[in-house]
Amino acid sequence: MQEIILGALSAVVVSLLGILIQGIRADMRALKTEMAEGFRRLEERIAANGERIATLEGIISVTHPRPENPPQPPQAIEDDSSS
């Protein structure tokens, strides 16, 4: 009698584990799909921002051209008298 009860309980536990594993797999597939969609949207936003940056760089290069030989900032003079 005890073996029958343990066998039935084992079958129930195995069935529940199977259902749990199937649920986890379904959740993982849904999460994977959601992440792929999120990354696709992120790529689109990065591309759009890259286009905006390129446009702004183009505008700035026209409105504020850089000289070919920009002036160098003055170098700090080191004091060697403390040696």
N, C-alpha and C. Protein backbone atom coordinates (compact mmCIF):
# COMPACT_ATOMS: atom_id res chain seq x y z
N MET A 1 0.82 -1.20 0.00
CA MET A 1 0.00 0.00 0.00
C MET A 1 0.87 1.27 0.00
N GLN A 2 1.91 1.24 0.82
CA GLN A 2 2.81 2.39 0.91
C GLN A 2 3.51 2.63 -0.43
N GLU A 3 3.89 1.56 -1.12
CA GLU A 3 4.55 1.69 -2.42
C GLU A 3 3.62 2.31 -3.45
N ILE A 4 2.35 1.98 -3.39
CA ILE A 4 1.37 2.54 -4.32
C ILE A 4 1.23 4.05 -4.08
N ILE A 5 1.16 4.44 -2.82
CA ILE A 5 1.03 5.87 -2.48
C ILE A 5 2.28 6.63 -2.92
N LEU A 6 3.46 6.07 -2.62
CA LEU A 6 4.71 6.73 -3.04
C LEU A 6 4.81 6.81 -4.56
N GLY A 7 4.39 5.77 -5.25
CA GLY A 7 4.39 5.78 -6.71
C GLY A 7 3.46 6.85 -7.26
N ALA A 8 2.28 6.97 -6.67
CA ALA A 8 1.32 7.98 -7.11
C ALA A 8 1.86 9.39 -6.84
N LEU A 9 2.43 9.57 -5.65
CA LEU A 9 3.01 10.89 -5.32
C LEU A 9 4.18 11.22 -6.25
N SER A 10 4.98 10.23 -6.55
CA SER A 10 6.10 10.45 -7.48
C SER A 10 5.59 10.87 -8.85
N ALA A 11 4.54 10.21 -9.31
CA ALA A 11 3.96 10.54 -10.61
C ALA A 11 3.42 11.97 -10.61
N VAL A 12 2.77 12.36 -9.51
CA VAL A 12 2.24 13.72 -9.39
C VAL A 12 3.37 14.74 -9.39
N VAL A 13 4.44 14.46 -8.63
CA VAL A 13 5.57 15.39 -8.56
C VAL A 13 6.23 15.52 -9.93
N VAL A 14 6.42 14.40 -10.62
CA VAL A 14 7.03 14.44 -11.95
C VAL A 14 6.14 15.22 -12.91
N SER A 15 4.83 15.02 -12.84
CA SER A 15 3.91 15.76 -13.70
C SER A 15 3.98 17.26 -13.42
N LEU A 16 3.99 17.62 -12.15
CA LEU A 16 4.07 19.04 -11.78
C LEU A 16 5.39 19.65 -12.24
N LEU A 17 6.48 18.91 -12.10
CA LEU A 17 7.77 19.42 -12.58
C LEU A 17 7.74 19.62 -14.09
N GLY A 18 7.12 18.69 -14.81
CA GLY A 18 7.00 18.84 -16.26
C GLY A 18 6.22 20.08 -16.64
N ILE A 19 5.12 20.31 -15.94
CA ILE A 19 4.31 21.51 -16.20
C ILE A 19 5.11 22.77 -15.88
N LEU A 20 5.84 22.74 -14.77
CA LEU A 20 6.66 23.89 -14.37
C LEU A 20 7.74 24.17 -15.41
N ILE A 21 8.38 23.13 -15.89
CA ILE A 21 9.43 23.30 -16.90
C ILE A 21 8.85 23.85 -18.20
N GLN A 22 7.68 23.36 -18.61
CA GLN A 22 7.05 23.88 -19.83
C GLN A 22 6.70 25.36 -19.66
N GLY A 23 6.22 25.73 -18.48
CA GLY A 23 5.90 27.13 -18.22
C GLY A 23 7.13 28.01 -18.26
N ILE A 24 8.22 27.52 -17.68
CA ILE A 24 9.47 28.29 -17.70
C ILE A 24 9.97 28.45 -19.13
N ARG A 25 9.89 27.38 -19.92
CA ARG A 25 10.32 27.48 -21.32
C ARG A 25 9.48 28.50 -22.09
N ALA A 26 8.18 28.49 -21.87
CA ALA A 26 7.31 29.46 -22.54
C ALA A 26 7.66 30.88 -22.11
N ASP A 27 7.90 31.07 -20.82
CA ASP A 27 8.29 32.40 -20.33
C ASP A 27 9.62 32.84 -20.93
N MET A 28 10.55 31.92 -21.05
CA MET A 28 11.85 32.26 -21.62
C MET A 28 11.72 32.64 -23.10
N ARG A 29 10.86 31.92 -23.83
CA ARG A 29 10.64 32.28 -25.24
C ARG A 29 10.03 33.67 -25.35
N ALA A 30 9.05 33.95 -24.49
CA ALA A 30 8.42 35.28 -24.52
C ALA A 30 9.43 36.36 -24.15
N LEU A 31 10.25 36.09 -23.16
CA LEU A 31 11.27 37.06 -22.76
C LEU A 31 12.29 37.28 -23.87
N LYS A 32 12.68 36.21 -24.53
CA LYS A 32 13.63 36.32 -25.64
C LYS A 32 13.04 37.17 -26.76
N THR A 33 11.78 36.95 -27.08
CA THR A 33 11.11 37.74 -28.12
C THR A 33 11.03 39.20 -27.71
N GLU A 34 10.68 39.45 -26.46
CA GLU A 34 10.57 40.82 -25.97
C GLU A 34 11.93 41.52 -25.98
N MET A 35 12.98 40.80 -25.60
CA MET A 35 14.32 41.39 -25.62
C MET A 35 14.76 41.70 -27.04
N ALA A 36 14.47 40.80 -27.98
CA ALA A 36 14.84 41.04 -29.38
C ALA A 36 14.15 42.30 -29.90
N GLU A 37 12.87 42.46 -29.56
CA GLU A 37 12.13 43.65 -29.98
C GLU A 37 12.73 44.90 -29.34
N GLY A 38 13.08 44.81 -28.07
CA GLY A 38 13.69 45.95 -27.38
C GLY A 38 15.02 46.34 -27.99
N PHE A 39 15.85 45.35 -28.32
CA PHE A 39 17.14 45.65 -28.95
C PHE A 39 16.95 46.24 -30.34
N ARG A 40 15.93 45.77 -31.07
CA ARG A 40 15.66 46.33 -32.40
C ARG A 40 15.30 47.80 -32.28
N ARG A 41 14.42 48.12 -31.30
CA ARG A 41 14.05 49.53 -31.10
C ARG A 41 15.25 50.36 -30.66
N LEU A 42 16.09 49.78 -29.81
CA LEU A 42 17.28 50.49 -29.36
C LEU A 42 18.22 50.78 -30.52
N GLU A 43 18.40 49.82 -31.41
CA GLU A 43 19.23 50.03 -32.60
C GLU A 43 18.67 51.16 -33.46
N GLU A 44 17.34 51.21 -33.61
CA GLU A 44 16.73 52.28 -34.39
C GLU A 44 16.99 53.64 -33.75
N ARG A 45 16.87 53.71 -32.43
CA ARG A 45 17.11 54.98 -31.73
C ARG A 45 18.56 55.41 -31.84
N ILE A 46 19.49 54.45 -31.74
CA ILE A 46 20.91 54.77 -31.86
C ILE A 46 21.20 55.29 -33.27
N ALA A 47 20.63 54.65 -34.28
CA ALA A 47 20.84 55.09 -35.66
C ALA A 47 20.28 56.49 -35.87
N ALA A 48 19.09 56.75 -35.32
CA ALA A 48 18.49 58.08 -35.47
C ALA A 48 19.35 59.13 -34.77
N ASN A 49 19.85 58.81 -33.58
CA ASN A 49 20.71 59.76 -32.87
C ASN A 49 22.01 59.98 -33.62
N GLY A 50 22.54 58.92 -34.24
CA GLY A 50 23.76 59.08 -35.03
C GLY A 50 23.54 60.02 -36.20
N GLU A 51 22.38 59.91 -36.84
CA GLU A 51 22.06 60.82 -37.95
C GLU A 51 21.94 62.25 -37.45
N ARG A 52 21.31 62.45 -36.29
CA ARG A 52 21.19 63.80 -35.73
C ARG A 52 22.56 64.38 -35.40
N ILE A 53 23.43 63.55 -34.81
CA ILE A 53 24.77 64.02 -34.46
C ILE A 53 25.54 64.40 -35.72
N ALA A 54 25.45 63.57 -36.76
CA ALA A 54 26.14 63.88 -38.01
C ALA A 54 25.62 65.18 -38.60
N THR A 55 24.31 65.40 -38.52
CA THR A 55 23.73 66.65 -39.02
C THR A 55 24.25 67.84 -38.22
N LEU A 56 24.26 67.71 -36.90
CA LEU A 56 24.76 68.80 -36.05
C LEU A 56 26.24 69.06 -36.30
N GLU A 57 27.03 68.01 -36.48
CA GLU A 57 28.45 68.20 -36.77
C GLU A 57 28.63 68.93 -38.09
N GLY A 58 27.79 68.59 -39.07
CA GLY A 58 27.86 69.27 -40.35
C GLY A 58 27.51 70.75 -40.23
N ILE A 59 26.48 71.06 -39.46
CA ILE A 59 26.08 72.46 -39.26
C ILE A 59 27.18 73.21 -38.54
N ILE A 60 27.74 72.61 -37.49
CA ILE A 60 28.79 73.28 -36.72
C ILE A 60 30.03 73.50 -37.58
N SER A 61 30.38 72.53 -38.43
CA SER A 61 31.57 72.70 -39.26
C SER A 61 31.39 73.83 -40.26
N VAL A 62 30.15 74.11 -40.66
CA VAL A 62 29.91 75.21 -41.60
C VAL A 62 29.85 76.54 -40.86
N THR A 63 29.17 76.57 -39.71
CA THR A 63 29.01 77.83 -38.99
C THR A 63 30.22 78.20 -38.15
N HIS A 64 31.00 77.23 -37.73
CA HIS A 64 32.19 77.49 -36.91
C HIS A 64 33.36 76.68 -37.47
N PRO A 65 33.89 77.08 -38.63
CA PRO A 65 34.99 76.30 -39.20
C PRO A 65 36.22 76.35 -38.30
N ARG A 66 36.94 75.27 -38.26
CA ARG A 66 38.17 75.20 -37.47
C ARG A 66 39.34 75.62 -38.35
N PRO A 67 40.27 76.39 -37.79
CA PRO A 67 41.46 76.74 -38.58
C PRO A 67 42.33 75.50 -38.79
N GLU A 68 43.12 75.54 -39.90
CA GLU A 68 43.97 74.39 -40.19
C GLU A 68 45.04 74.20 -39.12
N ASN A 69 45.62 75.30 -38.62
CA ASN A 69 46.63 75.23 -37.57
C ASN A 69 46.10 75.99 -36.35
N PRO A 70 45.33 75.32 -35.51
CA PRO A 70 44.76 76.03 -34.36
C PRO A 70 45.85 76.46 -33.39
N PRO A 71 45.65 77.60 -32.73
CA PRO A 71 46.66 78.07 -31.77
C PRO A 71 46.77 77.08 -30.61
N GLN A 72 48.01 76.89 -30.15
CA GLN A 72 48.26 75.98 -29.05
C GLN A 72 48.13 76.73 -27.73
N PRO A 73 47.57 76.10 -26.71
CA PRO A 73 47.48 76.77 -25.41
C PRO A 73 48.89 76.93 -24.83
N PRO A 74 49.10 78.00 -24.07
CA PRO A 74 50.44 78.23 -23.51
C PRO A 74 50.83 77.10 -22.56
N GLN A 75 52.13 76.74 -22.61
CA GLN A 75 52.65 75.69 -21.74
C GLN A 75 52.97 76.28 -20.37
N ALA A 76 52.72 75.52 -19.33
CA ALA A 76 53.05 75.97 -17.97
C ALA A 76 54.56 75.89 -17.79
N ILE A 77 55.14 76.92 -17.21
CA ILE A 77 56.58 76.96 -16.96
C ILE A 77 56.84 76.33 -15.61
N GLU A 78 57.73 75.32 -15.60
CA GLU A 78 58.04 74.64 -14.35
C GLU A 78 59.14 75.40 -13.62
N ASP A 79 59.01 75.52 -12.32
CA ASP A 79 59.97 76.24 -11.49
C ASP A 79 61.02 75.25 -11.00
N ASP A 80 62.29 75.39 -11.49
CA ASP A 80 63.37 74.49 -11.11
C ASP A 80 64.20 75.04 -9.96
N SER A 81 63.85 76.19 -9.39
CA SER A 81 64.66 76.80 -8.33
C SER A 81 64.55 76.06 -7.00
N SER A 82 63.58 75.19 -6.83
CA SER A 82 63.40 74.49 -5.57
C SER A 82 64.32 73.27 -5.47
N SER A 83 65.09 72.94 -6.51
CA SER A 83 65.95 71.76 -6.48
C SER A 83 67.16 71.93 -5.62
